[in-house]
N, C-alpha and C. Protein backbone atom coordinates (compact mmCIF):
# COMPACT_ATOMS: atom_id res chain seq x y z
N MET A 1 12.48 -1.84 1.37
CA MET A 1 12.45 -0.58 0.78
C MET A 1 10.99 -0.14 0.56
N ASN A 2 10.14 -1.14 0.22
CA ASN A 2 8.71 -0.70 0.00
C ASN A 2 8.05 -0.33 1.25
N TYR A 3 8.45 -0.87 2.33
CA TYR A 3 7.81 -0.33 3.54
C TYR A 3 8.18 1.18 3.92
N VAL A 4 9.33 1.59 3.57
CA VAL A 4 9.80 2.87 3.69
C VAL A 4 9.14 3.84 2.75
N LEU A 5 8.85 3.35 1.60
CA LEU A 5 8.08 4.12 0.60
C LEU A 5 6.65 4.21 1.06
N ALA A 6 6.19 3.25 1.68
CA ALA A 6 4.82 3.28 2.25
C ALA A 6 4.57 4.30 3.25
N LEU A 7 5.62 4.67 4.00
CA LEU A 7 5.50 5.71 5.05
C LEU A 7 5.34 7.12 4.23
N LEU A 8 6.01 7.26 3.15
CA LEU A 8 5.97 8.53 2.51
C LEU A 8 4.77 8.82 1.48
N LEU A 9 4.61 7.74 0.58
CA LEU A 9 3.73 7.73 -0.45
C LEU A 9 2.94 6.35 -0.51
N PRO A 10 1.87 6.22 0.32
CA PRO A 10 1.24 4.97 0.39
C PRO A 10 0.64 4.47 -0.97
N PRO A 11 0.18 5.38 -1.81
CA PRO A 11 -0.53 4.96 -3.07
C PRO A 11 0.58 4.30 -4.09
N LEU A 12 1.73 5.06 -4.12
CA LEU A 12 2.88 4.45 -4.96
C LEU A 12 3.25 3.24 -4.57
N SER A 13 3.37 3.02 -3.14
CA SER A 13 3.83 1.61 -2.55
C SER A 13 2.76 0.76 -2.96
N ILE A 14 1.49 0.90 -2.92
CA ILE A 14 0.44 0.00 -3.22
C ILE A 14 0.61 -0.39 -4.77
N LEU A 15 0.88 0.55 -5.54
CA LEU A 15 1.01 0.38 -7.02
C LEU A 15 2.12 -0.53 -7.22
N LEU A 16 3.31 -0.44 -6.57
CA LEU A 16 4.43 -1.25 -6.83
C LEU A 16 4.27 -2.74 -6.35
N THR A 17 3.17 -2.85 -5.53
CA THR A 17 2.94 -4.28 -5.05
C THR A 17 2.14 -4.94 -5.97
N GLY A 18 1.61 -4.34 -7.08
CA GLY A 18 0.93 -5.00 -8.20
C GLY A 18 -0.49 -4.93 -8.16
N ARG A 19 -1.04 -3.96 -7.45
CA ARG A 19 -2.46 -3.58 -7.30
C ARG A 19 -2.82 -2.29 -7.77
N PRO A 20 -2.87 -2.04 -9.14
CA PRO A 20 -3.13 -0.79 -9.69
C PRO A 20 -4.53 -0.14 -9.46
N VAL A 21 -5.51 -0.98 -9.29
CA VAL A 21 -6.87 -0.42 -9.05
C VAL A 21 -6.94 0.01 -7.62
N VAL A 22 -6.40 -0.65 -6.66
CA VAL A 22 -6.45 -0.36 -5.30
C VAL A 22 -5.68 1.00 -5.18
N ALA A 23 -4.50 1.02 -5.90
CA ALA A 23 -3.61 2.19 -5.72
C ALA A 23 -4.27 3.50 -6.29
N ILE A 24 -4.95 3.32 -7.46
CA ILE A 24 -5.76 4.61 -7.88
C ILE A 24 -6.94 5.02 -6.96
N LEU A 25 -7.66 3.99 -6.38
CA LEU A 25 -8.71 4.27 -5.40
C LEU A 25 -8.12 4.93 -4.12
N THR A 26 -6.93 4.40 -3.74
CA THR A 26 -6.28 4.95 -2.52
C THR A 26 -5.84 6.35 -2.77
N PHE A 27 -5.32 6.60 -3.84
CA PHE A 27 -4.89 7.91 -4.24
C PHE A 27 -5.95 8.95 -4.24
N LEU A 28 -7.05 8.49 -4.91
CA LEU A 28 -8.16 9.36 -4.97
C LEU A 28 -8.73 9.77 -3.71
N ILE A 29 -8.79 8.85 -2.62
CA ILE A 29 -9.24 9.17 -1.32
C ILE A 29 -8.04 9.79 -0.51
N TRP A 30 -6.85 9.37 -0.68
CA TRP A 30 -5.73 9.93 0.24
C TRP A 30 -5.36 11.40 0.08
N VAL A 31 -5.56 11.85 -1.28
CA VAL A 31 -5.12 13.41 -1.48
C VAL A 31 -6.20 14.17 -0.72
N PRO A 32 -7.52 14.07 -0.87
CA PRO A 32 -8.44 14.92 -0.23
C PRO A 32 -8.38 14.75 1.41
N ALA A 33 -8.11 13.43 1.85
CA ALA A 33 -7.92 13.33 3.17
C ALA A 33 -6.74 13.93 3.72
N ILE A 34 -5.57 14.06 3.13
CA ILE A 34 -4.49 14.74 3.59
C ILE A 34 -4.83 16.30 3.56
N ILE A 35 -5.41 16.76 2.68
CA ILE A 35 -5.65 18.22 2.42
C ILE A 35 -6.72 18.63 3.60
N PHE A 36 -7.83 17.84 3.66
CA PHE A 36 -8.91 18.32 4.71
C PHE A 36 -8.54 17.99 6.16
N SER A 37 -7.77 16.91 6.41
CA SER A 37 -7.60 16.53 7.79
C SER A 37 -6.15 16.97 8.29
N GLY A 38 -5.32 17.48 7.42
CA GLY A 38 -4.07 17.90 7.83
C GLY A 38 -3.04 16.92 8.16
N GLY A 39 -3.29 15.74 7.58
CA GLY A 39 -2.39 14.59 7.69
C GLY A 39 -2.98 13.67 8.85
N LEU A 40 -3.82 13.97 9.55
CA LEU A 40 -4.31 12.91 10.57
C LEU A 40 -4.74 11.58 9.99
N THR A 41 -5.21 11.51 8.73
CA THR A 41 -5.61 10.24 8.20
C THR A 41 -4.37 9.42 7.59
N HIS A 42 -3.21 10.12 7.53
CA HIS A 42 -2.05 9.34 6.86
C HIS A 42 -1.70 8.04 7.46
N PRO A 43 -1.77 7.91 8.79
CA PRO A 43 -1.42 6.70 9.33
C PRO A 43 -2.28 5.40 8.82
N MET A 44 -3.52 5.84 8.56
CA MET A 44 -4.51 4.82 8.08
C MET A 44 -4.12 4.32 6.82
N PHE A 45 -3.61 5.07 5.85
CA PHE A 45 -3.16 4.68 4.54
C PHE A 45 -1.80 3.98 4.65
N VAL A 46 -1.06 4.34 5.51
CA VAL A 46 0.30 3.69 5.64
C VAL A 46 0.02 2.12 6.20
N ILE A 47 -0.92 2.05 7.08
CA ILE A 47 -1.17 0.71 7.60
C ILE A 47 -1.84 -0.12 6.43
N LEU A 48 -2.65 0.52 5.69
CA LEU A 48 -3.26 -0.13 4.59
C LEU A 48 -2.10 -0.68 3.57
N ALA A 49 -1.21 0.15 3.26
CA ALA A 49 0.04 -0.08 2.39
C ALA A 49 0.82 -1.34 2.93
N TRP A 50 1.08 -1.18 4.26
CA TRP A 50 1.88 -2.33 4.94
C TRP A 50 1.23 -3.72 4.86
N ILE A 51 -0.09 -3.75 5.17
CA ILE A 51 -0.92 -4.82 4.99
C ILE A 51 -0.72 -5.45 3.58
N LEU A 52 -0.93 -4.65 2.55
CA LEU A 52 -0.99 -5.17 1.23
C LEU A 52 0.48 -5.67 0.74
N ILE A 53 1.49 -4.97 1.29
CA ILE A 53 2.82 -5.34 1.02
C ILE A 53 3.23 -6.84 1.71
N PHE A 54 2.71 -6.90 3.01
CA PHE A 54 2.91 -8.17 3.59
C PHE A 54 2.06 -9.44 2.86
N GLN A 55 0.83 -9.00 2.44
CA GLN A 55 0.12 -10.05 1.91
C GLN A 55 0.66 -10.42 0.51
N SER A 56 1.21 -9.43 -0.21
CA SER A 56 1.77 -9.78 -1.59
C SER A 56 2.98 -10.71 -1.32
N ARG A 57 3.85 -10.37 -0.31
CA ARG A 57 4.92 -11.19 -0.05
C ARG A 57 4.63 -12.68 0.41
N GLU A 58 3.53 -12.72 1.20
CA GLU A 58 3.11 -14.03 1.62
C GLU A 58 2.52 -14.87 0.33
N ASP A 59 1.99 -14.15 -0.58
CA ASP A 59 1.50 -14.80 -1.82
C ASP A 59 2.54 -15.33 -2.57
N ARG A 60 3.60 -14.58 -2.74
CA ARG A 60 4.74 -15.05 -3.45
C ARG A 60 5.40 -16.15 -2.75
N ARG A 61 5.57 -16.17 -1.45
CA ARG A 61 6.11 -17.28 -0.81
C ARG A 61 5.34 -18.63 -0.95
N GLU A 62 3.93 -18.47 -0.91
CA GLU A 62 3.15 -19.63 -1.11
C GLU A 62 3.25 -20.18 -2.55
N ARG A 63 3.32 -19.32 -3.52
CA ARG A 63 3.64 -19.70 -4.97
C ARG A 63 4.80 -20.46 -5.10
N GLN A 64 5.85 -19.95 -4.45
CA GLN A 64 7.23 -20.63 -4.52
C GLN A 64 7.15 -21.98 -3.85
N TRP A 65 6.46 -22.03 -2.71
CA TRP A 65 6.30 -23.31 -2.06
C TRP A 65 5.56 -24.41 -2.81
N ARG A 66 4.48 -23.95 -3.55
CA ARG A 66 3.86 -24.88 -4.34
C ARG A 66 4.53 -25.31 -5.57
N LYS A 67 5.53 -24.66 -6.14
CA LYS A 67 6.28 -25.03 -7.12
C LYS A 67 7.34 -26.21 -6.76
N ARG A 68 7.66 -26.36 -5.62
CA ARG A 68 8.56 -27.35 -5.02
C ARG A 68 7.87 -28.75 -5.05
């Protein structure tokens, strides 16, 4: 579900992965980029959100593996 949210609101998706500082910085860059470019830069933020979501899931898997 977080991947779908990343398509619509990448900063919120990044916030939900547990990275509040990156989410705030992304939001501060994302809003002017959307306004001035007309949405052409939106895919860049979607890809960033997907990478961070994937990375957080891999970190969670690694922590669970180390507990065993």
